[in-house]
């Protein structure tokens, strides 16, 4: 169990909290606990975005910002991240092929159906995604 870092989840937002007063200074132990909590957040289906919280002065804006991702098409966000990460260390053709494969796979998601239906019926920006 972590001593200085914990993960809390609310509304799809995982909050990784540092609790090492007075300054939440980063030590080797805190670094190791952050890695463990980040891995846990990445593997939990109920976490759709993450905020690393270090104190009251930052968190509300950060929580608001993370909320927009928690409500968004998380499969598409994950695919975009994989395309960027995977495409950085390769040639353009391979990067474009990776992007095309990831994009095509998104057509099998509920979020694709929800997003396209909502766009046609209600216009842009009104879909309520499920993350599936």
N, C-alpha and C. Protein backbone atom coordinates (compact mmCIF):
# COMPACT_ATOMS: atom_id res chain seq x y z
N UNK A 1 0.84 -1.19 0.00
CA UNK A 1 0.00 0.00 0.00
C UNK A 1 0.87 1.24 0.00
N UNK A 2 0.47 2.23 -0.76
CA UNK A 2 1.24 3.45 -0.89
C UNK A 2 1.12 4.31 0.37
N UNK A 3 2.20 4.96 0.71
CA UNK A 3 2.22 5.81 1.89
C UNK A 3 1.89 7.27 1.56
N UNK A 4 2.37 7.75 0.42
CA UNK A 4 2.24 9.17 0.09
C UNK A 4 1.35 9.47 -1.10
N UNK A 5 0.95 8.46 -1.86
CA UNK A 5 0.18 8.67 -3.08
C UNK A 5 -1.03 7.75 -3.06
N UNK A 6 -2.19 8.30 -3.44
CA UNK A 6 -3.39 7.46 -3.52
C UNK A 6 -4.20 7.84 -4.74
N UNK A 7 -5.05 6.92 -5.17
CA UNK A 7 -5.93 7.14 -6.32
C UNK A 7 -7.37 7.15 -5.85
N UNK A 8 -8.09 8.22 -6.21
CA UNK A 8 -9.52 8.33 -5.95
C UNK A 8 -10.21 8.51 -7.29
N UNK A 9 -11.40 7.94 -7.45
CA UNK A 9 -12.11 8.03 -8.73
C UNK A 9 -13.51 8.56 -8.47
N UNK A 10 -13.89 9.57 -9.27
CA UNK A 10 -15.23 10.15 -9.18
C UNK A 10 -15.63 10.66 -10.55
N UNK A 11 -16.75 10.16 -11.06
CA UNK A 11 -17.27 10.64 -12.33
C UNK A 11 -16.35 10.40 -13.51
N UNK A 12 -15.59 9.32 -13.49
CA UNK A 12 -14.68 9.02 -14.58
C UNK A 12 -13.33 9.68 -14.47
N UNK A 13 -13.16 10.55 -13.48
CA UNK A 13 -11.88 11.25 -13.29
C UNK A 13 -11.11 10.57 -12.17
N UNK A 14 -9.94 10.08 -12.50
CA UNK A 14 -9.05 9.54 -11.49
C UNK A 14 -8.19 10.67 -10.95
N UNK A 15 -8.19 10.80 -9.64
CA UNK A 15 -7.37 11.84 -9.01
C UNK A 15 -6.26 11.14 -8.25
N UNK A 16 -5.04 11.36 -8.71
CA UNK A 16 -3.87 10.83 -8.01
C UNK A 16 -3.43 11.92 -7.06
N UNK A 17 -3.59 11.65 -5.77
CA UNK A 17 -3.30 12.65 -4.73
C UNK A 17 -1.95 12.39 -4.08
N UNK A 18 -1.16 13.45 -4.02
CA UNK A 18 0.10 13.42 -3.29
C UNK A 18 -0.18 13.92 -1.88
N UNK A 19 0.34 13.21 -0.90
CA UNK A 19 0.11 13.61 0.49
C UNK A 19 1.43 13.50 1.25
N UNK A 20 2.28 14.48 0.96
CA UNK A 20 3.59 14.54 1.61
C UNK A 20 3.85 15.99 2.03
N UNK A 21 3.10 16.45 3.04
CA UNK A 21 3.24 17.83 3.49
C UNK A 21 4.66 18.13 3.94
N UNK A 22 5.06 19.37 3.91
CA UNK A 22 4.22 20.52 3.58
C UNK A 22 4.22 20.88 2.10
N UNK A 23 5.15 20.33 1.31
CA UNK A 23 5.27 20.78 -0.08
C UNK A 23 5.01 19.70 -1.12
N UNK A 24 4.67 18.50 -0.69
CA UNK A 24 4.51 17.38 -1.62
C UNK A 24 5.77 17.18 -2.45
N UNK A 25 6.91 17.25 -1.78
CA UNK A 25 8.19 17.08 -2.45
C UNK A 25 8.30 15.68 -3.03
N UNK A 26 8.93 15.59 -4.18
CA UNK A 26 9.10 14.31 -4.88
C UNK A 26 10.37 13.62 -4.38
N UNK A 27 10.21 12.46 -3.80
CA UNK A 27 11.33 11.62 -3.38
C UNK A 27 11.29 10.37 -4.26
N UNK A 28 12.26 9.50 -4.11
CA UNK A 28 12.26 8.25 -4.87
C UNK A 28 11.01 7.44 -4.52
N UNK A 29 10.64 7.39 -3.25
CA UNK A 29 9.46 6.64 -2.84
C UNK A 29 8.20 7.22 -3.49
N UNK A 30 8.08 8.54 -3.50
CA UNK A 30 6.91 9.18 -4.13
C UNK A 30 6.89 8.88 -5.62
N UNK A 31 8.04 8.92 -6.28
CA UNK A 31 8.11 8.58 -7.70
C UNK A 31 7.62 7.15 -7.94
N UNK A 32 8.07 6.23 -7.13
CA UNK A 32 7.67 4.83 -7.30
C UNK A 32 6.17 4.66 -7.06
N UNK A 33 5.64 5.35 -6.05
CA UNK A 33 4.21 5.27 -5.77
C UNK A 33 3.39 5.90 -6.90
N UNK A 34 3.89 6.98 -7.50
CA UNK A 34 3.22 7.60 -8.64
C UNK A 34 3.13 6.63 -9.81
N UNK A 35 4.21 5.90 -10.07
CA UNK A 35 4.20 4.92 -11.16
C UNK A 35 3.15 3.85 -10.90
N UNK A 36 3.07 3.37 -9.68
CA UNK A 36 2.10 2.34 -9.33
C UNK A 36 0.67 2.87 -9.50
N UNK A 37 0.40 4.07 -9.01
CA UNK A 37 -0.96 4.64 -9.10
C UNK A 37 -1.33 4.96 -10.55
N UNK A 38 -0.36 5.42 -11.34
CA UNK A 38 -0.64 5.70 -12.75
C UNK A 38 -0.99 4.41 -13.48
N UNK A 39 -0.29 3.33 -13.18
CA UNK A 39 -0.59 2.03 -13.79
C UNK A 39 -1.97 1.55 -13.37
N UNK A 40 -2.30 1.73 -12.10
CA UNK A 40 -3.63 1.33 -11.63
C UNK A 40 -4.71 2.12 -12.36
N UNK A 41 -4.52 3.43 -12.48
CA UNK A 41 -5.50 4.27 -13.18
C UNK A 41 -5.65 3.83 -14.63
N UNK A 42 -4.54 3.51 -15.27
CA UNK A 42 -4.58 3.10 -16.68
C UNK A 42 -5.33 1.79 -16.87
N UNK A 43 -5.35 0.95 -15.86
CA UNK A 43 -5.97 -0.36 -15.98
C UNK A 43 -7.40 -0.42 -15.45
N UNK A 44 -7.92 0.67 -14.95
CA UNK A 44 -9.28 0.68 -14.41
C UNK A 44 -10.26 1.22 -15.44
N UNK A 45 -11.33 0.47 -15.67
CA UNK A 45 -12.35 0.87 -16.66
C UNK A 45 -13.11 2.11 -16.22
N UNK A 46 -13.16 2.39 -14.92
CA UNK A 46 -13.92 3.55 -14.44
C UNK A 46 -13.11 4.84 -14.48
N UNK A 47 -11.86 4.78 -14.91
CA UNK A 47 -11.02 5.98 -15.02
C UNK A 47 -10.89 6.35 -16.49
N UNK A 48 -11.39 7.55 -16.83
CA UNK A 48 -11.35 7.99 -18.23
C UNK A 48 -10.44 9.19 -18.44
N UNK A 49 -10.06 9.86 -17.36
CA UNK A 49 -9.05 10.91 -17.41
C UNK A 49 -8.43 10.98 -16.02
N UNK A 50 -7.26 11.62 -15.92
CA UNK A 50 -6.52 11.63 -14.65
C UNK A 50 -6.00 13.03 -14.37
N UNK A 51 -6.09 13.40 -13.09
CA UNK A 51 -5.49 14.63 -12.59
C UNK A 51 -4.51 14.22 -11.50
N UNK A 52 -3.30 14.75 -11.54
CA UNK A 52 -2.37 14.57 -10.44
C UNK A 52 -2.53 15.79 -9.55
N UNK A 53 -2.99 15.55 -8.33
CA UNK A 53 -3.38 16.61 -7.42
C UNK A 53 -2.28 16.80 -6.37
N UNK A 54 -1.85 18.02 -6.24
CA UNK A 54 -0.81 18.31 -5.26
C UNK A 54 -1.22 19.31 -4.21
N UNK A 55 -2.39 19.91 -4.36
CA UNK A 55 -2.84 20.89 -3.37
C UNK A 55 -4.03 21.68 -3.85
N UNK A 56 -4.62 22.41 -2.94
CA UNK A 56 -5.85 23.17 -3.20
C UNK A 56 -5.69 24.26 -4.26
N UNK A 57 -4.51 24.80 -4.42
CA UNK A 57 -4.31 25.96 -5.28
C UNK A 57 -4.49 25.68 -6.77
N UNK A 58 -4.41 24.34 -7.18
CA UNK A 58 -4.40 24.08 -8.61
C UNK A 58 -5.70 23.59 -9.17
N UNK A 59 -6.04 21.93 -8.41
CA UNK A 59 -6.86 20.81 -8.56
C UNK A 59 -7.75 21.03 -9.66
N UNK A 60 -9.48 22.94 -8.97
CA UNK A 60 -10.82 23.05 -9.59
C UNK A 60 -10.68 23.12 -11.10
N UNK A 61 -9.82 24.00 -11.64
CA UNK A 61 -9.61 24.12 -13.09
C UNK A 61 -9.13 22.80 -13.69
N UNK A 62 -8.24 22.13 -12.99
CA UNK A 62 -7.75 20.85 -13.49
C UNK A 62 -8.87 19.82 -13.55
N UNK A 63 -9.72 19.80 -12.53
CA UNK A 63 -10.85 18.86 -12.51
C UNK A 63 -11.84 19.19 -13.63
N UNK A 64 -12.09 20.46 -13.84
CA UNK A 64 -12.99 20.89 -14.92
C UNK A 64 -12.42 20.47 -16.27
N UNK A 65 -11.13 20.68 -16.44
CA UNK A 65 -10.47 20.33 -17.70
C UNK A 65 -10.52 18.81 -17.92
N UNK A 66 -10.21 18.03 -16.88
CA UNK A 66 -10.23 16.57 -17.00
C UNK A 66 -11.63 16.06 -17.27
N UNK A 67 -12.63 16.76 -16.74
CA UNK A 67 -14.01 16.35 -16.92
C UNK A 67 -14.43 16.29 -18.37
N UNK A 68 -13.92 17.21 -19.18
CA UNK A 68 -14.28 17.19 -20.59
C UNK A 68 -13.77 15.92 -21.27
N UNK A 69 -12.65 15.39 -20.83
CA UNK A 69 -12.12 14.15 -21.40
C UNK A 69 -12.85 12.94 -20.85
N UNK A 70 -13.25 13.00 -19.57
CA UNK A 70 -13.98 11.89 -18.96
C UNK A 70 -15.32 11.68 -19.65
N UNK A 71 -15.89 12.75 -20.19
CA UNK A 71 -17.19 12.66 -20.87
C UNK A 71 -17.05 12.43 -22.37
N UNK A 72 -15.84 12.41 -22.85
CA UNK A 72 -15.62 12.31 -24.29
C UNK A 72 -15.47 10.88 -24.78
N UNK A 73 -15.18 10.73 -26.07
CA UNK A 73 -15.01 9.41 -26.69
C UNK A 73 -13.65 8.82 -26.33
N UNK A 74 -13.57 8.16 -25.18
CA UNK A 74 -12.27 7.73 -24.66
C UNK A 74 -11.54 6.76 -25.58
N UNK A 75 -12.27 5.93 -26.32
CA UNK A 75 -11.59 5.02 -27.27
C UNK A 75 -10.88 5.82 -28.36
N UNK A 76 -11.51 6.88 -28.82
CA UNK A 76 -10.89 7.73 -29.85
C UNK A 76 -9.68 8.47 -29.29
N UNK A 77 -9.79 8.95 -28.05
CA UNK A 77 -8.64 9.61 -27.41
C UNK A 77 -7.48 8.63 -27.28
N UNK A 78 -7.77 7.40 -26.85
CA UNK A 78 -6.72 6.40 -26.68
C UNK A 78 -6.08 6.05 -28.02
N UNK A 79 -6.90 5.95 -29.07
CA UNK A 79 -6.37 5.65 -30.41
C UNK A 79 -5.47 6.78 -30.89
N UNK A 80 -5.87 8.01 -30.66
CA UNK A 80 -5.05 9.15 -31.07
C UNK A 80 -3.71 9.14 -30.34
N UNK A 81 -3.75 8.84 -29.05
CA UNK A 81 -2.51 8.78 -28.28
C UNK A 81 -1.61 7.66 -28.79
N UNK A 82 -2.19 6.49 -29.08
CA UNK A 82 -1.39 5.38 -29.62
C UNK A 82 -0.80 5.74 -30.98
N UNK A 83 -1.57 6.43 -31.81
CA UNK A 83 -1.06 6.84 -33.13
C UNK A 83 0.10 7.81 -32.99
N UNK A 84 -0.04 8.75 -32.08
CA UNK A 84 1.04 9.73 -31.87
C UNK A 84 2.27 9.05 -31.30
N UNK A 85 2.08 8.28 -30.22
CA UNK A 85 3.21 7.61 -29.59
C UNK A 85 3.88 6.63 -30.54
N UNK A 86 3.09 5.84 -31.26
CA UNK A 86 3.65 4.84 -32.17
C UNK A 86 4.24 5.44 -33.43
N UNK A 87 3.74 6.59 -33.85
CA UNK A 87 4.22 7.21 -35.08
C UNK A 87 5.46 8.04 -34.92
N UNK A 88 5.81 8.38 -33.69
CA UNK A 88 6.98 9.24 -33.47
C UNK A 88 8.30 8.57 -33.82
N UNK A 89 8.37 7.28 -33.63
CA UNK A 89 9.63 6.57 -33.82
C UNK A 89 9.70 5.76 -35.10
N UNK A 90 8.95 6.20 -36.10
CA UNK A 90 8.92 5.44 -37.35
C UNK A 90 8.85 6.40 -38.53
N UNK A 91 8.85 5.85 -39.72
CA UNK A 91 8.76 6.69 -40.92
C UNK A 91 7.30 7.11 -41.14
N UNK A 92 7.10 8.08 -42.01
CA UNK A 92 5.76 8.65 -42.23
C UNK A 92 4.78 7.59 -42.73
N UNK A 93 5.17 6.77 -43.67
CA UNK A 93 4.26 5.75 -44.22
C UNK A 93 3.76 4.80 -43.14
N UNK A 94 4.67 4.32 -42.30
CA UNK A 94 4.29 3.41 -41.23
C UNK A 94 3.39 4.11 -40.22
N UNK A 95 3.70 5.37 -39.92
CA UNK A 95 2.86 6.14 -39.01
C UNK A 95 1.46 6.33 -39.55
N UNK A 96 1.35 6.62 -40.85
CA UNK A 96 0.03 6.79 -41.47
C UNK A 96 -0.75 5.47 -41.51
N UNK A 97 -0.04 4.37 -41.74
CA UNK A 97 -0.70 3.05 -41.71
C UNK A 97 -1.23 2.74 -40.32
N UNK A 98 -0.45 3.05 -39.30
CA UNK A 98 -0.89 2.84 -37.92
C UNK A 98 -2.14 3.68 -37.64
N UNK A 99 -2.10 4.93 -38.02
CA UNK A 99 -3.26 5.82 -37.82
C UNK A 99 -4.50 5.28 -38.53
N UNK A 100 -4.35 4.82 -39.76
CA UNK A 100 -5.48 4.29 -40.52
C UNK A 100 -6.07 3.05 -39.84
N UNK A 101 -5.21 2.16 -39.35
CA UNK A 101 -5.69 0.96 -38.66
C UNK A 101 -6.45 1.31 -37.39
N UNK A 102 -5.90 2.23 -36.63
CA UNK A 102 -6.56 2.64 -35.38
C UNK A 102 -7.88 3.34 -35.67
N UNK A 103 -7.90 4.18 -36.68
CA UNK A 103 -9.12 4.89 -37.06
C UNK A 103 -10.21 3.91 -37.49
N UNK A 104 -9.84 2.94 -38.31
CA UNK A 104 -10.81 1.95 -38.79
C UNK A 104 -11.41 1.16 -37.64
N UNK A 105 -10.59 0.84 -36.64
CA UNK A 105 -11.08 0.07 -35.49
C UNK A 105 -12.12 0.84 -34.69
N UNK A 106 -12.09 2.15 -34.75
CA UNK A 106 -13.06 2.97 -34.00
C UNK A 106 -14.48 2.83 -34.54
N UNK A 107 -14.62 2.36 -35.76
CA UNK A 107 -15.96 2.20 -36.33
C UNK A 107 -16.74 1.08 -35.66
N UNK A 108 -16.06 0.26 -34.87
CA UNK A 108 -16.73 -0.82 -34.15
C UNK A 108 -17.20 -0.40 -32.76
N UNK A 109 -16.99 0.87 -32.37
CA UNK A 109 -17.32 1.31 -31.02
C UNK A 109 -18.73 1.89 -30.93
N UNK A 110 -19.30 1.78 -29.73
CA UNK A 110 -20.59 2.43 -29.46
C UNK A 110 -20.46 3.95 -29.61
N UNK A 111 -19.33 4.49 -29.19
CA UNK A 111 -19.13 5.94 -29.27
C UNK A 111 -19.19 6.45 -30.70
N UNK A 112 -18.74 5.66 -31.66
CA UNK A 112 -18.84 6.07 -33.07
C UNK A 112 -20.30 6.21 -33.46
N UNK A 113 -21.10 5.23 -33.10
CA UNK A 113 -22.53 5.27 -33.43
C UNK A 113 -23.20 6.46 -32.71
N UNK A 114 -22.91 6.63 -31.43
CA UNK A 114 -23.49 7.72 -30.65
C UNK A 114 -23.09 9.07 -31.24
N UNK A 115 -21.81 9.22 -31.53
CA UNK A 115 -21.32 10.49 -32.05
C UNK A 115 -21.89 10.85 -33.41
N UNK A 116 -21.93 9.89 -34.30
CA UNK A 116 -22.45 10.17 -35.65
C UNK A 116 -23.95 10.44 -35.61
N UNK A 117 -24.68 9.67 -34.83
CA UNK A 117 -26.13 9.90 -34.72
C UNK A 117 -26.41 11.27 -34.11
N UNK A 118 -25.71 11.60 -33.04
CA UNK A 118 -25.90 12.88 -32.39
C UNK A 118 -25.55 14.04 -33.32
N UNK A 119 -24.48 13.89 -34.07
CA UNK A 119 -24.08 14.96 -34.99
C UNK A 119 -25.16 15.21 -36.03
N UNK A 120 -25.70 14.14 -36.61
CA UNK A 120 -26.75 14.29 -37.64
C UNK A 120 -28.03 14.88 -37.03
N UNK A 121 -28.41 14.40 -35.87
CA UNK A 121 -29.68 14.81 -35.28
C UNK A 121 -29.61 16.14 -34.52
N UNK A 122 -28.44 16.43 -33.88
CA UNK A 122 -28.37 17.59 -32.98
C UNK A 122 -27.26 18.58 -33.29
N UNK A 123 -26.40 18.24 -34.24
CA UNK A 123 -25.26 19.11 -34.53
C UNK A 123 -24.06 18.73 -33.67
N UNK A 124 -22.94 19.41 -33.88
CA UNK A 124 -21.70 19.04 -33.19
C UNK A 124 -21.72 19.38 -31.71
N UNK A 125 -20.98 18.58 -30.94
CA UNK A 125 -20.74 18.89 -29.54
C UNK A 125 -21.84 18.52 -28.56
N UNK A 126 -22.78 17.70 -28.95
CA UNK A 126 -23.88 17.38 -28.04
C UNK A 126 -23.96 15.91 -27.68
N UNK A 127 -23.08 15.10 -28.20
CA UNK A 127 -23.11 13.65 -27.93
C UNK A 127 -22.76 13.37 -26.47
N UNK A 128 -23.35 12.32 -25.92
CA UNK A 128 -23.02 11.84 -24.58
C UNK A 128 -22.41 10.46 -24.73
N UNK A 129 -21.09 10.41 -24.70
CA UNK A 129 -20.34 9.19 -24.96
C UNK A 129 -20.32 8.25 -23.77
N UNK A 130 -20.13 6.96 -24.05
CA UNK A 130 -20.09 5.95 -23.00
C UNK A 130 -18.69 5.43 -22.73
N UNK A 131 -17.78 5.66 -23.66
CA UNK A 131 -16.44 5.12 -23.51
C UNK A 131 -16.30 3.70 -24.03
N UNK A 132 -17.33 3.22 -24.71
CA UNK A 132 -17.28 1.87 -25.27
C UNK A 132 -17.36 1.94 -26.79
